[in-house]
Amino acid sequence: MSTITSFLGRTSGHKRLNGADILTYLYLSVGTLLMFGPVVWLVMSSFKTPTALIQFPPAFLPYRQDTVTVEGYDDPLPLFNVTLEDGTTVQLAQVRRVGIEAQMIDPAAPEEIIRVNINTRTPVESVYFGLENYAEGVQKFNFMVYLRNSVIVTVAATLLTLLINSMAAFALSKYEFRGRDSIFILTLATLMVPLSVILIPVFLVITQVGWNNNLLGVIVPGAATPTGVFLLRQYMLTIPDELIESARIDGASEWRIYLQIILPLSRPALAVLAIFSVMWRWNDFLWPLIVLSRNELFTLQVGLNSFQGELLTQWNLILAMTVLTLLPITIVFAFLQRFITTGIATTGMK
């Protein structure tokens, strides 16, 4: 705790905060709020009831109406604070509502029915972090099946992306051949091609090779990424050519140089690309939605769409399942985030 306090209390060389320090902390606070505020709101909303999600003004914490069990009634009755005609406030339980009139009872004396106007009552609420949305979502949602498909797609696609991109980056950074720079520029130029332009051609190719309604149709098409080639190539340029020449003099093959010299030295950049690839593939929705139409092959992102109907959208279940889908990617980022700064900061240094 003392370390955190000393870190948050740092100044720009002065013992007291000056204007620059105040602006810096203000800027960082606003940035943190903009980045993590929606995520925190998502987590809080995943515990809310459907009624609480649509109330205005919205509440940050998940409130639920308190209930009481009264003898003679099968179901628990909702509690309200009711303002009587004499101005006093009492806590009553609602039996039923007819129009603008509510029939209430005193839980301590349930024999007498008290009729009140609904405008004179307010619900008794308390903060409640229940797991009902998660339990119901898992029951209605083939979570384990979709999770398995997402893991298969993400892991296989990430490994394939690392292999293809690292091989291309190795060739473009350590081999001298005619047209090398042109190929690299052409690869980067594909970044300017929108995904919507190539959706139909790629889908036709996938259909022709028989990968429609197949996880291979989701894994293979996006394996080679220009961003990954650029990141790895720029990092591999920092590896001394003398190491490769020495290995060749010792009789090492090109594959051995690639596997035992280039890949180990490129681990920070590979970790960064792995994080990016996992995020891209795990959160991908449009392409799996186009390729897959069988429920047992859906990924988590496509499966979430099943909660959205023409007449009813179960937002409470969507939010709960969205939180569950965010957990794996958060864990992966937590383990690999230390490589991000190293990998990106050293990319392009030569």
Protein backbone atom coordinates (compact mmCIF):
# COMPACT_ATOMS: atom_id res chain seq x y z
CA MET A 1 0.00 0.00 0.00
CA SER A 2 2.85 2.39 0.80
CA THR A 3 4.32 1.73 -2.65
CA ILE A 4 1.03 2.60 -4.33
CA THR A 5 0.66 5.73 -2.20
CA SER A 6 4.17 6.91 -3.01
CA PHE A 7 3.60 6.23 -6.72
CA LEU A 8 0.32 8.18 -6.79
CA GLY A 9 1.94 11.03 -4.89
CA ARG A 10 4.79 11.59 -7.33
CA THR A 11 5.46 15.11 -8.52
CA SER A 12 7.57 16.58 -11.30
CA GLY A 13 10.60 17.29 -9.10
CA HIS A 14 8.85 19.54 -6.56
CA LYS A 15 7.78 18.67 -3.05
CA ARG A 16 4.29 20.04 -3.69
CA LEU A 17 1.91 19.58 -6.56
CA ASN A 18 2.11 22.28 -9.18
CA GLY A 19 -0.15 23.10 -12.10
CA ALA A 20 1.50 20.58 -14.42
CA ASP A 21 1.08 17.80 -11.85
CA ILE A 22 -2.58 18.63 -11.35
CA LEU A 23 -3.25 18.64 -15.10
CA THR A 24 -1.37 15.36 -15.49
CA TYR A 25 -3.33 13.59 -12.77
CA LEU A 26 -6.57 15.06 -14.10
CA TYR A 27 -5.76 13.83 -17.61
CA LEU A 28 -4.86 10.35 -16.33
CA SER A 29 -8.00 10.18 -14.18
CA VAL A 30 -10.27 11.11 -17.08
CA GLY A 31 -8.49 8.60 -19.33
CA THR A 32 -8.86 5.84 -16.74
CA LEU A 33 -12.55 6.65 -16.32
CA LEU A 34 -13.16 6.57 -20.07
CA MET A 35 -11.31 3.28 -20.48
CA PHE A 36 -12.57 1.30 -17.50
CA GLY A 37 -15.88 3.06 -16.77
CA PRO A 38 -17.90 1.17 -19.42
CA VAL A 39 -16.40 -2.16 -18.29
CA VAL A 40 -17.28 -1.53 -14.65
CA TRP A 41 -20.78 -0.42 -15.69
CA LEU A 42 -21.13 -3.63 -17.73
CA VAL A 43 -20.19 -5.78 -14.74
CA MET A 44 -22.59 -3.94 -12.43
CA SER A 45 -25.41 -4.13 -14.99
CA SER A 46 -24.95 -7.90 -15.34
CA PHE A 47 -26.40 -8.30 -11.83
CA LYS A 48 -29.49 -6.17 -12.50
CA THR A 49 -33.01 -7.34 -13.22
CA PRO A 50 -34.66 -6.54 -16.58
CA THR A 51 -36.74 -3.87 -14.85
CA ALA A 52 -33.69 -2.22 -13.29
CA LEU A 53 -31.93 -2.10 -16.65
CA ILE A 54 -34.61 0.08 -18.24
CA GLN A 55 -35.33 2.40 -15.32
CA PHE A 56 -34.54 6.09 -15.65
CA PRO A 57 -32.44 7.62 -14.29
CA PRO A 58 -30.21 4.55 -14.32
CA ALA A 59 -28.53 3.39 -11.12
CA PHE A 60 -24.89 2.37 -10.98
CA LEU A 61 -25.27 -0.34 -8.35
CA PRO A 62 -27.63 -3.31 -8.86
CA TYR A 63 -30.67 -2.66 -6.69
CA ARG A 64 -33.46 -5.17 -6.17
CA GLN A 65 -36.77 -4.72 -4.44
CA ASP A 66 -37.01 -6.29 -1.01
CA THR A 67 -39.71 -8.88 -0.41
CA VAL A 68 -41.31 -10.42 2.65
CA THR A 69 -42.94 -13.78 3.23
CA VAL A 70 -46.42 -13.41 4.73
CA GLU A 71 -48.47 -16.28 6.09
CA GLY A 72 -51.38 -17.08 3.80
CA TYR A 73 -49.59 -16.05 0.60
CA ASP A 74 -47.64 -18.53 -1.49
CA ASP A 75 -45.17 -16.09 -3.05
CA PRO A 76 -43.07 -13.42 -1.31
CA LEU A 77 -44.69 -9.97 -1.50
CA PRO A 78 -42.80 -6.82 -2.58
CA LEU A 79 -42.24 -4.17 0.08
CA PHE A 80 -43.04 -0.45 -0.31
CA ASN A 81 -42.68 2.66 1.81
CA VAL A 82 -46.16 4.20 1.76
CA THR A 83 -46.96 7.78 2.75
CA LEU A 84 -50.35 7.85 4.47
CA GLU A 85 -52.84 10.71 4.48
CA ASP A 86 -51.62 11.96 7.85
CA GLY A 87 -48.09 12.27 6.47
CA THR A 88 -46.61 9.28 8.25
CA THR A 89 -44.61 6.67 6.36
CA VAL A 90 -45.13 2.96 6.92
CA GLN A 91 -43.71 -0.13 5.27
CA LEU A 92 -46.36 -2.26 3.59
CA ALA A 93 -46.40 -5.30 1.33
CA GLN A 94 -48.32 -5.24 -1.95
CA VAL A 95 -50.85 -7.99 -2.57
CA ARG A 96 -52.03 -6.84 -5.97
CA ARG A 97 -52.41 -3.75 -8.11
CA VAL A 98 -55.54 -2.65 -9.95
CA GLY A 99 -54.98 0.39 -12.14
CA ILE A 100 -53.64 3.24 -10.06
CA GLU A 101 -54.74 1.57 -6.82
CA ALA A 102 -52.57 -0.88 -4.92
CA GLN A 103 -53.90 -3.30 -2.32
CA MET A 104 -51.42 -3.43 0.53
CA ILE A 105 -51.11 -5.22 3.86
CA ASP A 106 -49.08 -4.75 6.98
CA PRO A 107 -46.79 -7.81 7.23
CA ALA A 108 -47.30 -7.79 11.01
CA ALA A 109 -51.11 -7.70 10.66
CA PRO A 110 -52.00 -9.16 7.26
CA GLU A 111 -55.73 -9.46 7.93
CA GLU A 112 -56.59 -5.88 6.88
CA ILE A 113 -56.32 -4.76 3.22
CA ILE A 114 -55.11 -1.17 2.82
CA ARG A 115 -55.85 0.55 -0.50
CA VAL A 116 -53.39 3.26 -1.52
CA ASN A 117 -52.60 5.27 -4.62
CA ILE A 118 -49.50 3.98 -6.40
CA ASN A 119 -48.08 7.52 -6.50
CA THR A 120 -47.82 7.58 -2.71
CA ARG A 121 -45.47 4.61 -2.45
CA THR A 122 -41.83 3.95 -3.21
CA PRO A 123 -40.22 0.51 -3.44
CA VAL A 124 -37.89 -0.66 -0.69
CA GLU A 125 -34.64 -1.58 -2.45
CA SER A 126 -31.21 -2.82 -1.44
CA VAL A 127 -27.98 -3.58 -3.26
CA TYR A 128 -27.98 -7.20 -4.41
CA PHE A 129 -25.20 -9.07 -6.22
CA GLY A 130 -27.07 -12.24 -7.12
CA LEU A 131 -25.93 -14.80 -9.68
CA GLU A 132 -29.40 -15.52 -11.08
CA ASN A 133 -28.60 -13.90 -14.45
CA TYR A 134 -25.44 -15.98 -14.78
CA ALA A 135 -27.14 -19.22 -13.76
CA GLU A 136 -30.09 -18.67 -16.10
CA GLY A 137 -27.80 -17.59 -18.93
CA VAL A 138 -25.64 -20.69 -18.63
CA GLN A 139 -28.76 -22.89 -18.60
CA LYS A 140 -30.28 -21.27 -21.70
CA PHE A 141 -26.92 -20.71 -23.37
CA ASN A 142 -24.76 -23.61 -24.62
CA PHE A 143 -21.86 -21.94 -22.88
CA MET A 144 -19.48 -24.91 -22.76
CA VAL A 145 -20.05 -25.76 -26.43
CA TYR A 146 -19.55 -22.17 -27.54
CA LEU A 147 -16.56 -21.80 -25.21
CA ARG A 148 -14.94 -24.90 -26.70
CA ASN A 149 -15.44 -23.58 -30.24
CA SER A 150 -14.06 -20.16 -29.32
CA VAL A 151 -11.00 -21.69 -27.66
CA ILE A 152 -10.34 -23.94 -30.66
CA VAL A 153 -10.68 -21.06 -33.12
CA THR A 154 -8.63 -18.63 -31.05
CA VAL A 155 -5.77 -21.00 -30.19
CA ALA A 156 -5.49 -22.55 -33.66
CA ALA A 157 -5.77 -19.21 -35.45
CA THR A 158 -3.23 -17.56 -33.14
CA LEU A 159 -0.67 -20.34 -33.61
CA LEU A 160 -1.20 -20.26 -37.37
CA THR A 161 -0.89 -16.47 -37.39
CA LEU A 162 2.36 -16.56 -35.43
CA LEU A 163 3.81 -19.21 -37.75
CA ILE A 164 2.87 -17.58 -41.06
CA ASN A 165 3.63 -14.02 -40.02
CA SER A 166 6.98 -14.89 -38.44
CA MET A 167 8.06 -16.80 -41.55
CA ALA A 168 7.08 -13.90 -43.79
CA ALA A 169 8.77 -11.38 -41.48
CA PHE A 170 11.95 -13.50 -41.40
CA ALA A 171 12.12 -13.55 -45.19
CA LEU A 172 11.38 -9.83 -45.54
CA SER A 173 13.92 -8.80 -42.90
CA LYS A 174 16.87 -11.16 -43.37
CA TYR A 175 16.89 -12.15 -47.05
CA GLU A 176 18.02 -9.96 -49.92
CA PHE A 177 16.03 -10.53 -53.11
CA ARG A 178 14.53 -8.45 -55.89
CA GLY A 179 11.15 -6.98 -55.04
CA ARG A 180 11.47 -7.44 -51.29
CA ASP A 181 10.53 -3.86 -50.47
CA SER A 182 7.72 -3.92 -53.02
CA ILE A 183 6.25 -7.04 -51.45
CA PHE A 184 6.45 -5.43 -48.01
CA ILE A 185 4.75 -2.24 -49.23
CA LEU A 186 2.07 -4.30 -50.99
CA THR A 187 1.48 -6.23 -47.77
CA LEU A 188 1.04 -3.00 -45.82
CA ALA A 189 -1.26 -1.64 -48.52
CA THR A 190 -3.77 -4.38 -47.75
CA LEU A 191 -4.44 -2.57 -44.47
CA MET A 192 -6.38 0.01 -46.48
CA VAL A 193 -8.74 -2.64 -47.93
CA PRO A 194 -11.98 -2.72 -45.87
CA LEU A 195 -13.19 -6.11 -44.68
CA SER A 196 -16.57 -5.59 -46.35
CA VAL A 197 -14.88 -5.48 -49.78
CA ILE A 198 -13.46 -9.01 -49.52
CA LEU A 199 -16.26 -10.72 -47.57
CA ILE A 200 -18.07 -12.11 -50.60
CA PRO A 201 -14.94 -13.29 -52.52
CA VAL A 202 -13.51 -14.99 -49.42
CA PHE A 203 -16.87 -16.60 -48.65
CA LEU A 204 -17.07 -17.98 -52.21
CA VAL A 205 -13.57 -19.44 -51.86
CA ILE A 206 -14.46 -20.99 -48.50
CA THR A 207 -17.59 -22.53 -50.02
CA GLN A 208 -15.66 -23.94 -52.98
CA VAL A 209 -13.12 -25.73 -50.76
CA GLY A 210 -15.89 -27.10 -48.52
CA TRP A 211 -15.12 -25.12 -45.38
CA ASN A 212 -18.56 -23.57 -45.06
CA ASN A 213 -20.05 -24.56 -41.68
CA ASN A 214 -16.59 -25.67 -40.61
CA LEU A 215 -14.29 -24.16 -38.01
CA LEU A 216 -11.48 -24.22 -40.57
CA GLY A 217 -13.43 -21.61 -42.52
CA VAL A 218 -13.14 -19.30 -39.51
CA ILE A 219 -9.52 -20.12 -38.64
CA VAL A 220 -7.64 -20.08 -41.95
CA PRO A 221 -8.77 -16.97 -43.92
CA GLY A 222 -7.42 -14.41 -41.45
CA ALA A 223 -4.23 -16.25 -40.51
CA ALA A 224 -1.87 -13.91 -42.39
CA THR A 225 -2.20 -10.36 -41.08
CA PRO A 226 -0.28 -7.35 -42.45
CA THR A 227 -0.11 -5.88 -38.95
CA GLY A 228 1.66 -8.99 -37.69
CA VAL A 229 4.08 -9.06 -40.61
CA PHE A 230 4.97 -5.40 -40.07
CA LEU A 231 5.41 -5.79 -36.29
CA LEU A 232 7.59 -8.90 -36.54
CA ARG A 233 9.64 -7.63 -39.49
CA GLN A 234 10.50 -4.39 -37.73
CA TYR A 235 11.50 -6.30 -34.62
CA MET A 236 13.59 -8.84 -36.54
CA LEU A 237 15.54 -6.02 -38.16
CA THR A 238 17.02 -5.37 -34.71
CA ILE A 239 18.51 -8.89 -34.59
CA PRO A 240 22.17 -8.70 -35.70
CA ASP A 241 22.85 -10.29 -39.07
CA GLU A 242 26.16 -11.57 -37.69
CA LEU A 243 24.29 -14.16 -35.59
CA ILE A 244 22.70 -15.62 -38.70
CA GLU A 245 25.95 -15.59 -40.64
CA SER A 246 27.75 -17.35 -37.81
CA ALA A 247 25.05 -20.00 -37.70
CA ARG A 248 25.34 -20.57 -41.43
CA ILE A 249 29.12 -20.92 -41.17
CA ASP A 250 28.57 -23.56 -38.48
CA GLY A 251 26.36 -25.46 -40.91
CA ALA A 252 22.91 -24.58 -39.51
CA SER A 253 20.04 -24.88 -41.96
CA GLU A 254 17.63 -22.04 -42.59
CA TRP A 255 14.91 -23.84 -40.66
CA ARG A 256 17.22 -24.28 -37.68
CA ILE A 257 18.17 -20.61 -37.79
CA TYR A 258 14.50 -19.70 -37.90
CA LEU A 259 13.50 -22.04 -35.05
CA GLN A 260 16.47 -21.72 -32.70
CA ILE A 261 17.68 -18.15 -33.28
CA ILE A 262 14.98 -15.94 -34.78
CA LEU A 263 11.94 -17.16 -32.83
CA PRO A 264 13.58 -17.16 -29.36
CA LEU A 265 14.97 -13.66 -29.89
CA SER A 266 11.60 -12.42 -31.15
CA ARG A 267 9.60 -13.56 -28.13
CA PRO A 268 8.53 -10.03 -27.01
CA ALA A 269 7.16 -9.20 -30.45
CA LEU A 270 5.56 -12.65 -30.76
CA ALA A 271 3.87 -12.12 -27.38
CA VAL A 272 2.46 -8.78 -28.53
CA LEU A 273 1.17 -10.32 -31.75
CA ALA A 274 -0.28 -13.24 -29.77
CA ILE A 275 -2.23 -10.81 -27.58
CA PHE A 276 -3.54 -8.94 -30.62
CA SER A 277 -4.47 -12.17 -32.39
CA VAL A 278 -6.28 -13.57 -29.37
CA MET A 279 -8.25 -10.34 -29.03
CA TRP A 280 -9.10 -10.25 -32.75
CA ARG A 281 -10.21 -13.87 -32.94
CA TRP A 282 -11.99 -14.04 -29.60
CA ASN A 283 -14.05 -10.91 -30.28
CA ASP A 284 -14.69 -11.63 -33.97
CA PHE A 285 -18.40 -11.71 -34.74
CA LEU A 286 -19.10 -10.86 -38.39
CA TRP A 287 -17.00 -13.52 -40.14
CA PRO A 288 -18.08 -16.48 -37.91
CA LEU A 289 -21.68 -15.30 -38.31
CA ILE A 290 -21.31 -15.54 -42.11
CA VAL A 291 -19.46 -18.87 -42.22
CA LEU A 292 -21.29 -20.76 -39.46
CA SER A 293 -25.00 -21.54 -39.41
CA ARG A 294 -25.06 -24.68 -37.25
CA ASN A 295 -25.69 -24.02 -33.58
CA GLU A 296 -23.14 -26.58 -32.37
CA LEU A 297 -20.37 -24.71 -34.23
CA PHE A 298 -21.15 -21.21 -32.95
CA THR A 299 -18.48 -19.26 -31.10
CA LEU A 300 -19.33 -17.30 -27.97
CA GLN A 301 -19.82 -14.01 -29.81
CA VAL A 302 -22.21 -15.57 -32.35
CA GLY A 303 -23.99 -17.52 -29.62
CA LEU A 304 -24.74 -14.31 -27.71
CA ASN A 305 -26.87 -13.27 -30.65
CA SER A 306 -29.34 -16.03 -29.72
CA PHE A 307 -30.60 -13.94 -26.80
CA GLN A 308 -31.80 -11.24 -29.19
CA GLY A 309 -35.19 -11.99 -30.69
CA GLU A 310 -37.61 -10.07 -32.91
CA LEU A 311 -39.95 -9.19 -30.03
CA LEU A 312 -37.83 -9.64 -26.91
CA THR A 313 -34.18 -9.02 -26.11
CA GLN A 314 -32.96 -10.50 -22.83
CA TRP A 315 -30.48 -7.80 -21.96
CA ASN A 316 -29.83 -9.11 -18.44
CA LEU A 317 -28.69 -12.47 -19.84
CA ILE A 318 -26.70 -10.85 -22.65
CA LEU A 319 -24.80 -8.69 -20.16
CA ALA A 320 -24.09 -11.64 -17.84
CA MET A 321 -22.82 -13.83 -20.68
CA THR A 322 -20.78 -10.93 -22.06
CA VAL A 323 -18.96 -10.67 -18.73
CA LEU A 324 -18.18 -14.40 -18.88
CA THR A 325 -16.83 -14.07 -22.42
CA LEU A 326 -14.54 -11.23 -21.27
CA LEU A 327 -12.90 -13.29 -18.51
CA PRO A 328 -10.64 -15.49 -20.72
CA ILE A 329 -9.32 -12.57 -22.75
CA THR A 330 -8.69 -10.64 -19.53
CA ILE A 331 -6.69 -13.54 -18.09
CA VAL A 332 -4.61 -13.85 -21.26
CA PHE A 333 -3.90 -10.13 -21.25
CA ALA A 334 -2.93 -10.22 -17.57
CA PHE A 335 -0.32 -12.92 -18.23
CA LEU A 336 1.14 -11.40 -21.39
CA GLN A 337 0.75 -7.65 -20.85
CA ARG A 338 4.33 -7.29 -19.56
CA PHE A 339 5.55 -8.08 -23.08
CA ILE A 340 3.52 -5.31 -24.72
CA THR A 341 5.72 -2.39 -23.69
CA THR A 342 8.94 -4.28 -24.47
CA GLY A 343 7.70 -5.58 -27.80
CA ILE A 344 6.29 -2.32 -29.11
CA ALA A 345 9.00 -0.06 -27.69
CA THR A 346 11.80 -2.04 -29.35
CA THR A 347 10.00 -2.50 -32.67
CA GLY A 348 11.81 -0.59 -35.40
CA MET A 349 14.94 0.18 -33.36
CA LYS A 350 18.04 -0.38 -35.46
